[in-house]
Amino acid sequence: MNYLKNYSIVILRIIVGSIFLWTSLTKIIDPSKFAREISNYHVMPFGLENTVAIFLPWLEFFIGSALILGIMVDGSIIICSALLIMFNLLVAQAMIRGFNIECGCGLKEGQLVGSQKLIENFTFLGFCVLVYFRQNKFLEIFPKTELSDK
């Protein structure tokens, strides 16, 4: 039974990592399109969206790769959770302000902001919580040890 728990956590880790890896690749290929999608939210000062459009996809790429490979999972899952919370806040504010814009997530072409996107992100956030509070460090490289807790 314990092995089932261990493998289910690894599967959740791979699912979240694959999503972040896939979305990062679509944004890395066309950063100018991603910068336009960021500017549609109207929350950043002019010009800063270009920097974010270059930096954020690479951060997502490294987080996704680390989760899939099991490298420093605790740190990766914390950053992943923070990004998902930020994405949810951006989508929610766009919904409240009445924007009918593409989410810019890179998963589905033309997906608009809405409650479906919020539910999707909260589901992935739930996966992150399950991975973070796992009991055993299974199939991980450089896991957090008891010595690093003190």
C-alpha atoms as a PDB file:
ATOM      1  CA  MET A   1       0.000   0.000   0.000  1.00  0.00           C
ATOM      2  CA  ASN A   2       2.873   2.353   0.787  1.00  0.00           C
ATOM      3  CA  TYR A   3       4.322   1.736  -2.679  1.00  0.00           C
ATOM      4  CA  LEU A   4       1.022   2.813  -4.222  1.00  0.00           C
ATOM      5  CA  LYS A   5       1.261   6.114  -2.323  1.00  0.00           C
ATOM      6  CA  ASN A   6       4.865   6.606  -3.428  1.00  0.00           C
ATOM      7  CA  TYR A   7       4.075   5.953  -7.085  1.00  0.00           C
ATOM      8  CA  SER A   8       0.968   8.140  -7.038  1.00  0.00           C
ATOM      9  CA  ILE A   9       3.050  11.060  -5.735  1.00  0.00           C
ATOM     10  CA  VAL A  10       5.606  10.462  -8.499  1.00  0.00           C
ATOM     11  CA  ILE A  11       2.785  10.423 -11.070  1.00  0.00           C
ATOM     12  CA  LEU A  12       1.376  13.714  -9.726  1.00  0.00           C
ATOM     13  CA  ARG A  13       4.866  15.187  -9.811  1.00  0.00           C
ATOM     14  CA  ILE A  14       5.298  14.112 -13.436  1.00  0.00           C
ATOM     15  CA  ILE A  15       1.866  15.479 -14.422  1.00  0.00           C
ATOM     16  CA  VAL A  16       2.556  18.927 -12.945  1.00  0.00           C
ATOM     17  CA  GLY A  17       6.116  18.928 -14.302  1.00  0.00           C
ATOM     18  CA  SER A  18       4.938  17.950 -17.788  1.00  0.00           C
ATOM     19  CA  ILE A  19       2.347  20.725 -17.832  1.00  0.00           C
ATOM     20  CA  PHE A  20       4.923  23.325 -16.823  1.00  0.00           C
ATOM     21  CA  LEU A  21       7.445  21.937 -19.319  1.00  0.00           C
ATOM     22  CA  TRP A  22       4.931  21.910 -22.187  1.00  0.00           C
ATOM     23  CA  THR A  23       3.638  25.415 -21.520  1.00  0.00           C
ATOM     24  CA  SER A  24       7.167  26.770 -21.236  1.00  0.00           C
ATOM     25  CA  LEU A  25       8.137  25.419 -24.653  1.00  0.00           C
ATOM     26  CA  THR A  26       5.277  27.167 -26.427  1.00  0.00           C
ATOM     27  CA  LYS A  27       6.227  30.449 -24.720  1.00  0.00           C
ATOM     28  CA  ILE A  28       9.970  30.063 -25.378  1.00  0.00           C
ATOM     29  CA  ILE A  29       9.310  29.575 -29.100  1.00  0.00           C
ATOM     30  CA  ASP A  30       7.370  32.851 -29.429  1.00  0.00           C
ATOM     31  CA  PRO A  31       8.180  35.289 -26.594  1.00  0.00           C
ATOM     32  CA  SER A  32       6.691  38.287 -28.445  1.00  0.00           C
ATOM     33  CA  LYS A  33       3.258  36.608 -28.557  1.00  0.00           C
ATOM     34  CA  PHE A  34       3.553  35.790 -24.854  1.00  0.00           C
ATOM     35  CA  ALA A  35       4.519  39.418 -24.106  1.00  0.00           C
ATOM     36  CA  ARG A  36       1.348  40.591 -25.913  1.00  0.00           C
ATOM     37  CA  GLU A  37      -0.736  38.126 -23.893  1.00  0.00           C
ATOM     38  CA  ILE A  38       0.828  39.423 -20.665  1.00  0.00           C
ATOM     39  CA  SER A  39       0.114  43.035 -21.648  1.00  0.00           C
ATOM     40  CA  ASN A  40      -3.573  42.155 -22.231  1.00  0.00           C
ATOM     41  CA  TYR A  41      -3.979  41.724 -18.464  1.00  0.00           C
ATOM     42  CA  HIS A  42      -3.088  45.435 -17.915  1.00  0.00           C
ATOM     43  CA  VAL A  43      -1.290  44.846 -14.608  1.00  0.00           C
ATOM     44  CA  MET A  44       2.372  45.552 -15.488  1.00  0.00           C
ATOM     45  CA  PRO A  45       4.155  48.769 -16.326  1.00  0.00           C
ATOM     46  CA  PHE A  46       4.895  49.254 -20.003  1.00  0.00           C
ATOM     47  CA  GLY A  47       8.017  47.373 -21.089  1.00  0.00           C
ATOM     48  CA  LEU A  48       8.183  45.017 -18.111  1.00  0.00           C
ATOM     49  CA  GLU A  49       6.069  42.403 -19.901  1.00  0.00           C
ATOM     50  CA  ASN A  50       8.966  41.822 -22.330  1.00  0.00           C
ATOM     51  CA  THR A  51      11.294  40.917 -19.468  1.00  0.00           C
ATOM     52  CA  VAL A  52       8.694  38.646 -17.910  1.00  0.00           C
ATOM     53  CA  ALA A  53       8.003  37.006 -21.291  1.00  0.00           C
ATOM     54  CA  ILE A  54      11.663  36.054 -21.555  1.00  0.00           C
ATOM     55  CA  PHE A  55      12.317  35.068 -17.919  1.00  0.00           C
ATOM     56  CA  LEU A  56       9.094  33.279 -16.906  1.00  0.00           C
ATOM     57  CA  PRO A  57       9.077  30.529 -19.583  1.00  0.00           C
ATOM     58  CA  TRP A  58      12.615  29.512 -18.692  1.00  0.00           C
ATOM     59  CA  LEU A  59      11.686  29.391 -15.012  1.00  0.00           C
ATOM     60  CA  GLU A  60       8.725  27.164 -15.921  1.00  0.00           C
ATOM     61  CA  PHE A  61      11.044  25.006 -18.059  1.00  0.00           C
ATOM     62  CA  PHE A  62      13.497  24.412 -15.204  1.00  0.00           C
ATOM     63  CA  ILE A  63      10.726  23.809 -12.661  1.00  0.00           C
ATOM     64  CA  GLY A  64       8.993  21.311 -14.944  1.00  0.00           C
ATOM     65  CA  SER A  65      12.247  19.509 -15.697  1.00  0.00           C
ATOM     66  CA  ALA A  66      13.157  19.337 -12.009  1.00  0.00           C
ATOM     67  CA  LEU A  67       9.773  17.903 -11.069  1.00  0.00           C
ATOM     68  CA  ILE A  68       9.904  15.258 -13.788  1.00  0.00           C
ATOM     69  CA  LEU A  69      13.461  14.258 -12.941  1.00  0.00           C
ATOM     70  CA  GLY A  70      12.911  14.495  -9.172  1.00  0.00           C
ATOM     71  CA  ILE A  71      15.622  17.096  -8.598  1.00  0.00           C
ATOM     72  CA  MET A  72      15.105  19.348  -5.560  1.00  0.00           C
ATOM     73  CA  VAL A  73      11.385  18.635  -5.523  1.00  0.00           C
ATOM     74  CA  ASP A  74      10.536  20.708  -2.440  1.00  0.00           C
ATOM     75  CA  GLY A  75      11.937  23.939  -3.856  1.00  0.00           C
ATOM     76  CA  SER A  76      10.473  23.296  -7.293  1.00  0.00           C
ATOM     77  CA  ILE A  77       7.015  22.545  -5.922  1.00  0.00           C
ATOM     78  CA  ILE A  78       7.034  25.698  -3.769  1.00  0.00           C
ATOM     79  CA  ILE A  79       7.908  27.882  -6.772  1.00  0.00           C
ATOM     80  CA  CYS A  80       5.345  26.017  -8.862  1.00  0.00           C
ATOM     81  CA  SER A  81       2.652  26.632  -6.244  1.00  0.00           C
ATOM     82  CA  ALA A  82       3.516  30.322  -6.026  1.00  0.00           C
ATOM     83  CA  LEU A  83       3.259  30.647  -9.803  1.00  0.00           C
ATOM     84  CA  LEU A  84      -0.107  28.871  -9.869  1.00  0.00           C
ATOM     85  CA  ILE A  85      -1.440  31.200  -7.158  1.00  0.00           C
ATOM     86  CA  MET A  86      -0.179  34.204  -9.138  1.00  0.00           C
ATOM     87  CA  PHE A  87      -1.774  32.856 -12.342  1.00  0.00           C
ATOM     88  CA  ASN A  88      -5.087  32.397 -10.521  1.00  0.00           C
ATOM     89  CA  LEU A  89      -4.977  35.951  -9.199  1.00  0.00           C
ATOM     90  CA  LEU A  90      -4.309  37.291 -12.700  1.00  0.00           C
ATOM     91  CA  VAL A  91      -7.134  35.263 -14.232  1.00  0.00           C
ATOM     92  CA  ALA A  92      -9.539  36.277 -11.444  1.00  0.00           C
ATOM     93  CA  GLN A  93      -8.767  39.978 -11.788  1.00  0.00           C
ATOM     94  CA  ALA A  94      -9.227  39.743 -15.560  1.00  0.00           C
ATOM     95  CA  MET A  95     -12.614  38.094 -15.038  1.00  0.00           C
ATOM     96  CA  ILE A  96     -13.666  40.722 -12.504  1.00  0.00           C
ATOM     97  CA  ARG A  97     -12.616  43.540 -14.855  1.00  0.00           C
ATOM     98  CA  GLY A  98     -14.564  41.923 -17.695  1.00  0.00           C
ATOM     99  CA  PHE A  99     -11.642  41.182 -20.002  1.00  0.00           C
ATOM    100  CA  ASN A 100     -12.361  38.630 -22.709  1.00  0.00           C
ATOM    101  CA  ILE A 101      -8.735  37.704 -23.402  1.00  0.00           C
ATOM    102  CA  GLU A 102      -6.673  34.598 -24.006  1.00  0.00           C
ATOM    103  CA  CYS A 103      -5.150  33.290 -20.800  1.00  0.00           C
ATOM    104  CA  GLY A 104      -1.632  33.036 -22.293  1.00  0.00           C
ATOM    105  CA  CYS A 105      -1.021  29.754 -20.515  1.00  0.00           C
ATOM    106  CA  GLY A 106       0.149  27.863 -23.581  1.00  0.00           C
ATOM    107  CA  LEU A 107      -1.883  24.713 -22.917  1.00  0.00           C
ATOM    108  CA  LYS A 108      -4.735  25.271 -25.355  1.00  0.00           C
ATOM    109  CA  GLU A 109      -4.567  27.740 -28.203  1.00  0.00           C
ATOM    110  CA  GLY A 110      -7.228  30.397 -27.811  1.00  0.00           C
ATOM    111  CA  GLN A 111      -8.348  29.433 -24.278  1.00  0.00           C
ATOM    112  CA  LEU A 112     -10.025  32.439 -22.676  1.00  0.00           C
ATOM    113  CA  VAL A 113      -9.847  33.444 -19.033  1.00  0.00           C
ATOM    114  CA  GLY A 114     -12.746  32.053 -17.059  1.00  0.00           C
ATOM    115  CA  SER A 115     -13.895  29.762 -14.319  1.00  0.00           C
ATOM    116  CA  GLN A 116     -12.681  26.681 -16.212  1.00  0.00           C
ATOM    117  CA  LYS A 117      -9.129  28.052 -16.114  1.00  0.00           C
ATOM    118  CA  LEU A 118      -9.411  28.782 -12.393  1.00  0.00           C
ATOM    119  CA  ILE A 119     -10.630  25.242 -11.668  1.00  0.00           C
ATOM    120  CA  GLU A 120      -7.795  23.812 -13.768  1.00  0.00           C
ATOM    121  CA  ASN A 121      -5.171  25.864 -11.917  1.00  0.00           C
ATOM    122  CA  PHE A 122      -6.638  25.017  -8.492  1.00  0.00           C
ATOM    123  CA  THR A 123      -6.526  21.325  -9.426  1.00  0.00           C
ATOM    124  CA  PHE A 124      -2.833  21.608 -10.268  1.00  0.00           C
ATOM    125  CA  LEU A 125      -2.312  23.556  -7.052  1.00  0.00           C
ATOM    126  CA  GLY A 126      -3.927  20.679  -5.157  1.00  0.00           C
ATOM    127  CA  PHE A 127      -1.496  18.280  -6.837  1.00  0.00           C
ATOM    128  CA  CYS A 128       1.349  20.525  -5.665  1.00  0.00           C
ATOM    129  CA  VAL A 129       0.078  20.439  -2.076  1.00  0.00           C
ATOM    130  CA  LEU A 130      -0.095  16.628  -2.155  1.00  0.00           C
ATOM    131  CA  VAL A 131       3.448  16.420  -3.506  1.00  0.00           C
ATOM    132  CA  TYR A 132       4.782  18.891  -0.940  1.00  0.00           C
ATOM    133  CA  PHE A 133       3.275  17.072   2.054  1.00  0.00           C
ATOM    134  CA  ARG A 134       4.379  13.596   0.925  1.00  0.00           C
ATOM    135  CA  GLN A 135       5.703  11.232   3.581  1.00  0.00           C
ATOM    136  CA  ASN A 136       8.575   9.597   1.685  1.00  0.00           C
ATOM    137  CA  LYS A 137      11.126  11.026  -0.719  1.00  0.00           C
ATOM    138  CA  PHE A 138      10.772   8.436  -3.484  1.00  0.00           C
ATOM    139  CA  LEU A 139      12.728   8.556  -6.761  1.00  0.00           C
ATOM    140  CA  GLU A 140      14.261  11.951  -5.976  1.00  0.00           C
ATOM    141  CA  ILE A 141      17.708  13.409  -6.510  1.00  0.00           C
ATOM    142  CA  PHE A 142      18.944  15.887  -3.869  1.00  0.00           C
ATOM    143  CA  PRO A 143      15.911  15.526  -1.599  1.00  0.00           C
ATOM    144  CA  LYS A 144      15.509  17.688   1.467  1.00  0.00           C
ATOM    145  CA  THR A 145      16.993  15.787   4.409  1.00  0.00           C
ATOM    146  CA  GLU A 146      16.464  15.976   8.147  1.00  0.00           C
ATOM    147  CA  LEU A 147      19.756  17.856   8.486  1.00  0.00           C
ATOM    148  CA  SER A 148      18.517  20.570   6.139  1.00  0.00           C
ATOM    149  CA  ASP A 149      15.421  21.059   8.326  1.00  0.00           C
ATOM    150  CA  LYS A 150      17.512  22.187  11.305  1.00  0.00           C
END
